[in-house]
Amino acid sequence: MSENHFDVVLEELTDRAVGRLLKADAFDAPAFDALKDHLRQKAAGLQSEAALSKQISLSLRSAAGAIRSRAEYLPDVRQHLQRAEDFDRMLDLLIAGETRSDRSPGVPLII
């Protein structure tokens, strides 16, 4: 099964993390960690794909957006703004057909 097919687990993890933050103003760090871990696992199977599913794109964008929007007025969410950057970076790498392990800190990317 392609990583781009609808993923029930991804839907549940996104709702547990993003949905809870948006609906209850409660930041659940383990839920966001589980979401990020699941997306990282999917990323390995997506490197050679020409397209990225809307579900994956939405999950990454909504996670980053929810953190940023709630950080504006919830002090306990402000300390997690780096997580929003992590979700953005993950989407950028997926678009480029790369994963986190493809990049080495301090080493320029040679094309």
C-alpha atoms as a PDB file:
ATOM      1  CA  MET A   1       0.000   0.000   0.000  1.00  0.00           C
ATOM      2  CA  SER A   2       1.306   3.425  -0.923  1.00  0.00           C
ATOM      3  CA  GLU A   3       2.111   5.902   1.822  1.00  0.00           C
ATOM      4  CA  ASN A   4      -0.041   8.370  -0.104  1.00  0.00           C
ATOM      5  CA  HIS A   5      -3.270   6.414   0.432  1.00  0.00           C
ATOM      6  CA  PHE A   6      -5.689   7.575   3.111  1.00  0.00           C
ATOM      7  CA  ASP A   7      -4.212   6.766   6.518  1.00  0.00           C
ATOM      8  CA  VAL A   8      -6.668   6.237   9.384  1.00  0.00           C
ATOM      9  CA  VAL A   9      -3.858   6.312  11.944  1.00  0.00           C
ATOM     10  CA  LEU A  10      -2.630   9.656  10.624  1.00  0.00           C
ATOM     11  CA  GLU A  11      -6.167  11.014  10.855  1.00  0.00           C
ATOM     12  CA  GLU A  12      -6.461   9.877  14.493  1.00  0.00           C
ATOM     13  CA  LEU A  13      -3.047  11.224  15.464  1.00  0.00           C
ATOM     14  CA  THR A  14      -3.759  14.581  13.837  1.00  0.00           C
ATOM     15  CA  ASP A  15      -7.076  14.860  15.645  1.00  0.00           C
ATOM     16  CA  ARG A  16      -5.506  13.859  18.955  1.00  0.00           C
ATOM     17  CA  ALA A  17      -2.812  16.522  18.652  1.00  0.00           C
ATOM     18  CA  VAL A  18      -4.186  19.339  16.496  1.00  0.00           C
ATOM     19  CA  GLY A  19      -7.866  18.806  17.231  1.00  0.00           C
ATOM     20  CA  ARG A  20      -7.334  18.837  20.967  1.00  0.00           C
ATOM     21  CA  LEU A  21      -5.205  21.976  20.777  1.00  0.00           C
ATOM     22  CA  LEU A  22      -7.756  23.821  18.645  1.00  0.00           C
ATOM     23  CA  LYS A  23     -10.878  22.620  20.462  1.00  0.00           C
ATOM     24  CA  ALA A  24      -9.720  22.521  24.071  1.00  0.00           C
ATOM     25  CA  ASP A  25      -6.679  24.823  24.053  1.00  0.00           C
ATOM     26  CA  ALA A  26      -4.706  21.922  25.543  1.00  0.00           C
ATOM     27  CA  PHE A  27      -1.228  21.201  24.172  1.00  0.00           C
ATOM     28  CA  ASP A  28      -0.481  17.472  24.336  1.00  0.00           C
ATOM     29  CA  ALA A  29       3.267  17.125  23.684  1.00  0.00           C
ATOM     30  CA  PRO A  30       3.198  13.296  23.474  1.00  0.00           C
ATOM     31  CA  ALA A  31       0.385  13.508  20.873  1.00  0.00           C
ATOM     32  CA  PHE A  32       2.438  15.901  18.733  1.00  0.00           C
ATOM     33  CA  ASP A  33       5.479  13.630  19.143  1.00  0.00           C
ATOM     34  CA  ALA A  34       3.451  10.614  18.011  1.00  0.00           C
ATOM     35  CA  LEU A  35       2.172  12.566  15.008  1.00  0.00           C
ATOM     36  CA  LYS A  36       5.678  13.645  14.036  1.00  0.00           C
ATOM     37  CA  ASP A  37       7.045  10.099  14.456  1.00  0.00           C
ATOM     38  CA  HIS A  38       4.277   8.654  12.284  1.00  0.00           C
ATOM     39  CA  LEU A  39       4.913  11.251   9.584  1.00  0.00           C
ATOM     40  CA  ARG A  40       8.653  10.546   9.669  1.00  0.00           C
ATOM     41  CA  GLN A  41       7.963   6.854   9.112  1.00  0.00           C
ATOM     42  CA  LYS A  42       5.747   7.711   6.143  1.00  0.00           C
ATOM     43  CA  ALA A  43       8.388  10.071   4.741  1.00  0.00           C
ATOM     44  CA  ALA A  44      10.792   7.237   3.949  1.00  0.00           C
ATOM     45  CA  GLY A  45       8.218   5.649   1.646  1.00  0.00           C
ATOM     46  CA  LEU A  46       7.410   8.959  -0.021  1.00  0.00           C
ATOM     47  CA  GLN A  47      10.870   9.898  -1.299  1.00  0.00           C
ATOM     48  CA  SER A  48      10.314   8.457  -4.740  1.00  0.00           C
ATOM     49  CA  GLU A  49       6.677   9.583  -5.040  1.00  0.00           C
ATOM     50  CA  ALA A  50       5.931  12.312  -7.569  1.00  0.00           C
ATOM     51  CA  ALA A  51       3.009  13.656  -5.531  1.00  0.00           C
ATOM     52  CA  LEU A  52       2.145  14.145  -1.884  1.00  0.00           C
ATOM     53  CA  SER A  53      -1.344  13.378  -0.586  1.00  0.00           C
ATOM     54  CA  LYS A  54      -3.564  16.193   0.583  1.00  0.00           C
ATOM     55  CA  GLN A  55      -4.020  14.359   3.894  1.00  0.00           C
ATOM     56  CA  ILE A  56      -0.285  14.441   4.639  1.00  0.00           C
ATOM     57  CA  SER A  57       0.051  18.070   3.539  1.00  0.00           C
ATOM     58  CA  LEU A  58      -2.956  19.073   5.626  1.00  0.00           C
ATOM     59  CA  SER A  59      -1.683  17.234   8.675  1.00  0.00           C
ATOM     60  CA  LEU A  60       1.708  18.967   8.519  1.00  0.00           C
ATOM     61  CA  ARG A  61       0.289  22.422   7.809  1.00  0.00           C
ATOM     62  CA  SER A  62      -2.455  22.165  10.431  1.00  0.00           C
ATOM     63  CA  ALA A  63       0.002  21.021  13.104  1.00  0.00           C
ATOM     64  CA  ALA A  64       2.293  23.985  12.451  1.00  0.00           C
ATOM     65  CA  GLY A  65      -0.604  26.425  12.120  1.00  0.00           C
ATOM     66  CA  ALA A  66      -2.365  25.264  15.276  1.00  0.00           C
ATOM     67  CA  ILE A  67       0.787  25.656  17.357  1.00  0.00           C
ATOM     68  CA  ARG A  68       1.442  29.140  15.993  1.00  0.00           C
ATOM     69  CA  SER A  69      -2.151  30.316  16.396  1.00  0.00           C
ATOM     70  CA  ARG A  70      -2.475  29.126  19.987  1.00  0.00           C
ATOM     71  CA  ALA A  71       1.002  30.359  20.948  1.00  0.00           C
ATOM     72  CA  GLU A  72      -0.266  33.900  20.435  1.00  0.00           C
ATOM     73  CA  TYR A  73      -2.356  33.724  23.593  1.00  0.00           C
ATOM     74  CA  LEU A  74      -1.426  30.520  25.449  1.00  0.00           C
ATOM     75  CA  PRO A  75       1.920  30.926  27.246  1.00  0.00           C
ATOM     76  CA  ASP A  76       2.427  27.166  27.677  1.00  0.00           C
ATOM     77  CA  VAL A  77       2.171  26.695  23.881  1.00  0.00           C
ATOM     78  CA  ARG A  78       4.738  29.447  23.180  1.00  0.00           C
ATOM     79  CA  GLN A  79       7.518  27.210  24.429  1.00  0.00           C
ATOM     80  CA  HIS A  80       6.650  24.709  21.666  1.00  0.00           C
ATOM     81  CA  LEU A  81       6.975  27.079  18.691  1.00  0.00           C
ATOM     82  CA  GLN A  82      10.035  25.126  17.498  1.00  0.00           C
ATOM     83  CA  ARG A  83       7.710  22.191  16.853  1.00  0.00           C
ATOM     84  CA  ALA A  84       5.845  24.293  14.291  1.00  0.00           C
ATOM     85  CA  GLU A  85       9.155  24.891  12.515  1.00  0.00           C
ATOM     86  CA  ASP A  86       9.833  21.137  12.628  1.00  0.00           C
ATOM     87  CA  PHE A  87       6.523  20.374  10.876  1.00  0.00           C
ATOM     88  CA  ASP A  88       7.247  23.050   8.250  1.00  0.00           C
ATOM     89  CA  ARG A  89      10.729  21.634   7.677  1.00  0.00           C
ATOM     90  CA  MET A  90       9.306  18.136   7.318  1.00  0.00           C
ATOM     91  CA  LEU A  91       6.890  19.316   4.617  1.00  0.00           C
ATOM     92  CA  ASP A  92       9.700  21.136   2.811  1.00  0.00           C
ATOM     93  CA  LEU A  93      11.840  17.976   2.843  1.00  0.00           C
ATOM     94  CA  LEU A  94       8.944  15.860   1.580  1.00  0.00           C
ATOM     95  CA  ILE A  95       8.396  18.301  -1.275  1.00  0.00           C
ATOM     96  CA  ALA A  96      12.103  18.065  -2.124  1.00  0.00           C
ATOM     97  CA  GLY A  97      11.925  14.255  -2.019  1.00  0.00           C
ATOM     98  CA  GLU A  98      14.220  14.041   0.990  1.00  0.00           C
ATOM     99  CA  THR A  99      14.057  12.888   4.582  1.00  0.00           C
ATOM    100  CA  ARG A 100      15.691  14.233   7.702  1.00  0.00           C
ATOM    101  CA  SER A 101      18.423  11.572   7.478  1.00  0.00           C
ATOM    102  CA  ASP A 102      19.415  12.824   4.008  1.00  0.00           C
ATOM    103  CA  ARG A 103      20.726  16.049   5.508  1.00  0.00           C
ATOM    104  CA  SER A 104      23.832  16.328   7.692  1.00  0.00           C
ATOM    105  CA  PRO A 105      24.192  19.405   9.911  1.00  0.00           C
ATOM    106  CA  GLY A 106      26.954  21.716   8.732  1.00  0.00           C
ATOM    107  CA  VAL A 107      27.388  19.931   5.394  1.00  0.00           C
ATOM    108  CA  PRO A 108      26.170  21.782   2.314  1.00  0.00           C
ATOM    109  CA  LEU A 109      23.787  19.990  -0.017  1.00  0.00           C
ATOM    110  CA  ILE A 110      25.461  19.212  -3.325  1.00  0.00           C
ATOM    111  CA  ILE A 111      23.104  18.944  -6.267  1.00  0.00           C
END
